[in-house]
Structure formats: structure tokens, C-alpha cells
Amino acid sequence: FGVFSSVTTRRILPTVMILGGWSGAIDFYNSVEQLYGLPEIELPLTPFELTAPILGLLLVFRSDRSFDRFSLGSEYSWEITNLF
């Protein structure tokens, strides 16, 4: 199958597998922490709250630039087809 044998899939598969395994381990830990009296794992929200506006602006500007490129390419393709 094309998706499973592509270069991109082979390149990112180890990273995806590691992240999936790590997520599964954290989920397993959270399911047994109360049974054995283990400490609870928590992440502070401050880093996420501080970086969210910056990431939002980055996505907006990236989307805006891609739309500008698409619009310019569309104009050029109309000019080419109008010549014929």
C-alpha cells in the first residue's frame, strides 16, 4: 500500500511509535496510581497558556501567506488559460 511504504511514513514511524508507547505508559500509570498510592502526575498549565497566543498568530500568518500564494497561482493560471 502506498501510504505504509512511503518515505514520509518510514521517517516518522519511529517517533509516532515512541510517542504512542509513552502515552500508553502514562495512561497505564494514571489507571493504577490510586490502587497503589503512587503520586499523581500533573502538568502546569502556565507554559501552555503562554505559548497558545504565539502559536495562534503563527498559524494565522502561515495560513494567510499560503492563501496569498494560492491566489497568485490562481491568477497566473487564469492568465495562461486566457491566452489560448
C-alpha atoms as a PDB file:
ATOM      1  CA  PHE A   1       0.000   0.000   0.000  1.00  0.00           C
ATOM      2  CA  GLY A   2       1.286   3.454  -0.880  1.00  0.00           C
ATOM      3  CA  VAL A   3       0.696   5.098   2.490  1.00  0.00           C
ATOM      4  CA  PHE A   4       2.537   2.465   4.531  1.00  0.00           C
ATOM      5  CA  SER A   5       5.541   2.226   2.205  1.00  0.00           C
ATOM      6  CA  SER A   6       6.070   5.937   1.628  1.00  0.00           C
ATOM      7  CA  VAL A   7       9.265   7.695   2.637  1.00  0.00           C
ATOM      8  CA  THR A   8       7.451  10.066   4.979  1.00  0.00           C
ATOM      9  CA  THR A   9       5.749   7.229   6.844  1.00  0.00           C
ATOM     10  CA  ARG A  10       9.022   5.371   7.284  1.00  0.00           C
ATOM     11  CA  ARG A  11      10.679   8.552   8.520  1.00  0.00           C
ATOM     12  CA  ILE A  12       8.082   9.468  11.165  1.00  0.00           C
ATOM     13  CA  LEU A  13       7.014   5.954  12.218  1.00  0.00           C
ATOM     14  CA  PRO A  14       9.662   5.554  14.974  1.00  0.00           C
ATOM     15  CA  THR A  15       8.721   8.889  16.527  1.00  0.00           C
ATOM     16  CA  VAL A  16       4.998   8.087  16.379  1.00  0.00           C
ATOM     17  CA  MET A  17       5.611   4.681  17.951  1.00  0.00           C
ATOM     18  CA  ILE A  18       7.684   6.193  20.775  1.00  0.00           C
ATOM     19  CA  LEU A  19       5.046   8.847  21.496  1.00  0.00           C
ATOM     20  CA  GLY A  20       2.287   6.219  21.385  1.00  0.00           C
ATOM     21  CA  GLY A  21       4.190   3.991  23.797  1.00  0.00           C
ATOM     22  CA  TRP A  22       4.888   6.909  26.135  1.00  0.00           C
ATOM     23  CA  SER A  23       1.220   7.931  26.088  1.00  0.00           C
ATOM     24  CA  GLY A  24       0.168   4.359  26.810  1.00  0.00           C
ATOM     25  CA  ALA A  25       2.591   4.166  29.748  1.00  0.00           C
ATOM     26  CA  ILE A  26       1.257   7.430  31.208  1.00  0.00           C
ATOM     27  CA  ASP A  27      -2.323   6.206  30.789  1.00  0.00           C
ATOM     28  CA  PHE A  28      -1.460   2.915  32.498  1.00  0.00           C
ATOM     29  CA  TYR A  29       0.247   4.789  35.346  1.00  0.00           C
ATOM     30  CA  ASN A  30      -2.801   7.026  35.807  1.00  0.00           C
ATOM     31  CA  SER A  31      -5.094   3.999  35.932  1.00  0.00           C
ATOM     32  CA  VAL A  32      -3.101   2.252  38.695  1.00  0.00           C
ATOM     33  CA  GLU A  33      -1.881   5.230  40.748  1.00  0.00           C
ATOM     34  CA  GLN A  34      -4.822   5.193  43.146  1.00  0.00           C
ATOM     35  CA  LEU A  35      -4.621   1.435  43.665  1.00  0.00           C
ATOM     36  CA  TYR A  36      -1.002   1.525  44.835  1.00  0.00           C
ATOM     37  CA  GLY A  37      -0.884   5.018  46.355  1.00  0.00           C
ATOM     38  CA  LEU A  38       1.507   6.423  43.757  1.00  0.00           C
ATOM     39  CA  PRO A  39       1.913  10.190  43.370  1.00  0.00           C
ATOM     40  CA  GLU A  40      -0.288  11.892  40.811  1.00  0.00           C
ATOM     41  CA  ILE A  41       1.307  13.231  37.610  1.00  0.00           C
ATOM     42  CA  GLU A  42       0.303  16.790  36.728  1.00  0.00           C
ATOM     43  CA  LEU A  43       1.495  19.314  34.182  1.00  0.00           C
ATOM     44  CA  PRO A  44       1.408  23.029  34.971  1.00  0.00           C
ATOM     45  CA  LEU A  45      -0.901  24.982  32.674  1.00  0.00           C
ATOM     46  CA  THR A  46       1.222  28.146  32.558  1.00  0.00           C
ATOM     47  CA  PRO A  47       3.521  27.099  29.659  1.00  0.00           C
ATOM     48  CA  PHE A  48       0.511  26.163  27.544  1.00  0.00           C
ATOM     49  CA  GLU A  49      -1.299  29.401  28.372  1.00  0.00           C
ATOM     50  CA  LEU A  50       1.761  31.488  27.497  1.00  0.00           C
ATOM     51  CA  THR A  51       2.546  29.779  24.190  1.00  0.00           C
ATOM     52  CA  ALA A  52      -1.015  29.446  22.856  1.00  0.00           C
ATOM     53  CA  PRO A  53      -1.343  33.053  21.557  1.00  0.00           C
ATOM     54  CA  ILE A  54       2.053  32.858  19.846  1.00  0.00           C
ATOM     55  CA  LEU A  55       1.176  29.583  18.145  1.00  0.00           C
ATOM     56  CA  GLY A  56      -2.186  31.009  17.109  1.00  0.00           C
ATOM     57  CA  LEU A  57      -0.537  34.005  15.464  1.00  0.00           C
ATOM     58  CA  LEU A  58       1.964  31.744  13.742  1.00  0.00           C
ATOM     59  CA  LEU A  59      -0.828  29.624  12.285  1.00  0.00           C
ATOM     60  CA  VAL A  60      -2.788  32.678  11.147  1.00  0.00           C
ATOM     61  CA  PHE A  61       0.173  34.224   9.355  1.00  0.00           C
ATOM     62  CA  ARG A  62       1.162  30.911   7.805  1.00  0.00           C
ATOM     63  CA  SER A  63      -2.393  30.343   6.544  1.00  0.00           C
ATOM     64  CA  ASP A  64      -2.547  33.916   5.243  1.00  0.00           C
ATOM     65  CA  ARG A  65       0.689  33.516   3.292  1.00  0.00           C
ATOM     66  CA  SER A  66      -0.420  30.197   1.827  1.00  0.00           C
ATOM     67  CA  PHE A  67      -3.715  31.751   0.723  1.00  0.00           C
ATOM     68  CA  ASP A  68      -1.787  34.610  -0.912  1.00  0.00           C
ATOM     69  CA  ARG A  69       0.354  32.102  -2.817  1.00  0.00           C
ATOM     70  CA  PHE A  70      -2.739  30.160  -3.863  1.00  0.00           C
ATOM     71  CA  SER A  71      -4.452  33.353  -5.036  1.00  0.00           C
ATOM     72  CA  LEU A  72      -1.393  34.428  -7.019  1.00  0.00           C
ATOM     73  CA  GLY A  73      -1.079  30.989  -8.601  1.00  0.00           C
ATOM     74  CA  SER A  74      -4.764  31.034  -9.482  1.00  0.00           C
ATOM     75  CA  GLU A  75      -4.398  34.422 -11.171  1.00  0.00           C
ATOM     76  CA  TYR A  76      -1.429  33.176 -13.211  1.00  0.00           C
ATOM     77  CA  SER A  77      -3.279  30.027 -14.261  1.00  0.00           C
ATOM     78  CA  TRP A  78      -6.252  32.143 -15.435  1.00  0.00           C
ATOM     79  CA  GLU A  79      -3.859  34.345 -17.425  1.00  0.00           C
ATOM     80  CA  ILE A  80      -2.341  31.277 -19.084  1.00  0.00           C
ATOM     81  CA  THR A  81      -5.724  29.766 -19.970  1.00  0.00           C
ATOM     82  CA  ASN A  82      -6.977  33.103 -21.322  1.00  0.00           C
ATOM     83  CA  LEU A  83      -4.091  33.156 -23.802  1.00  0.00           C
ATOM     84  CA  PHE A  84      -5.483  30.047 -25.515  1.00  0.00           C
END
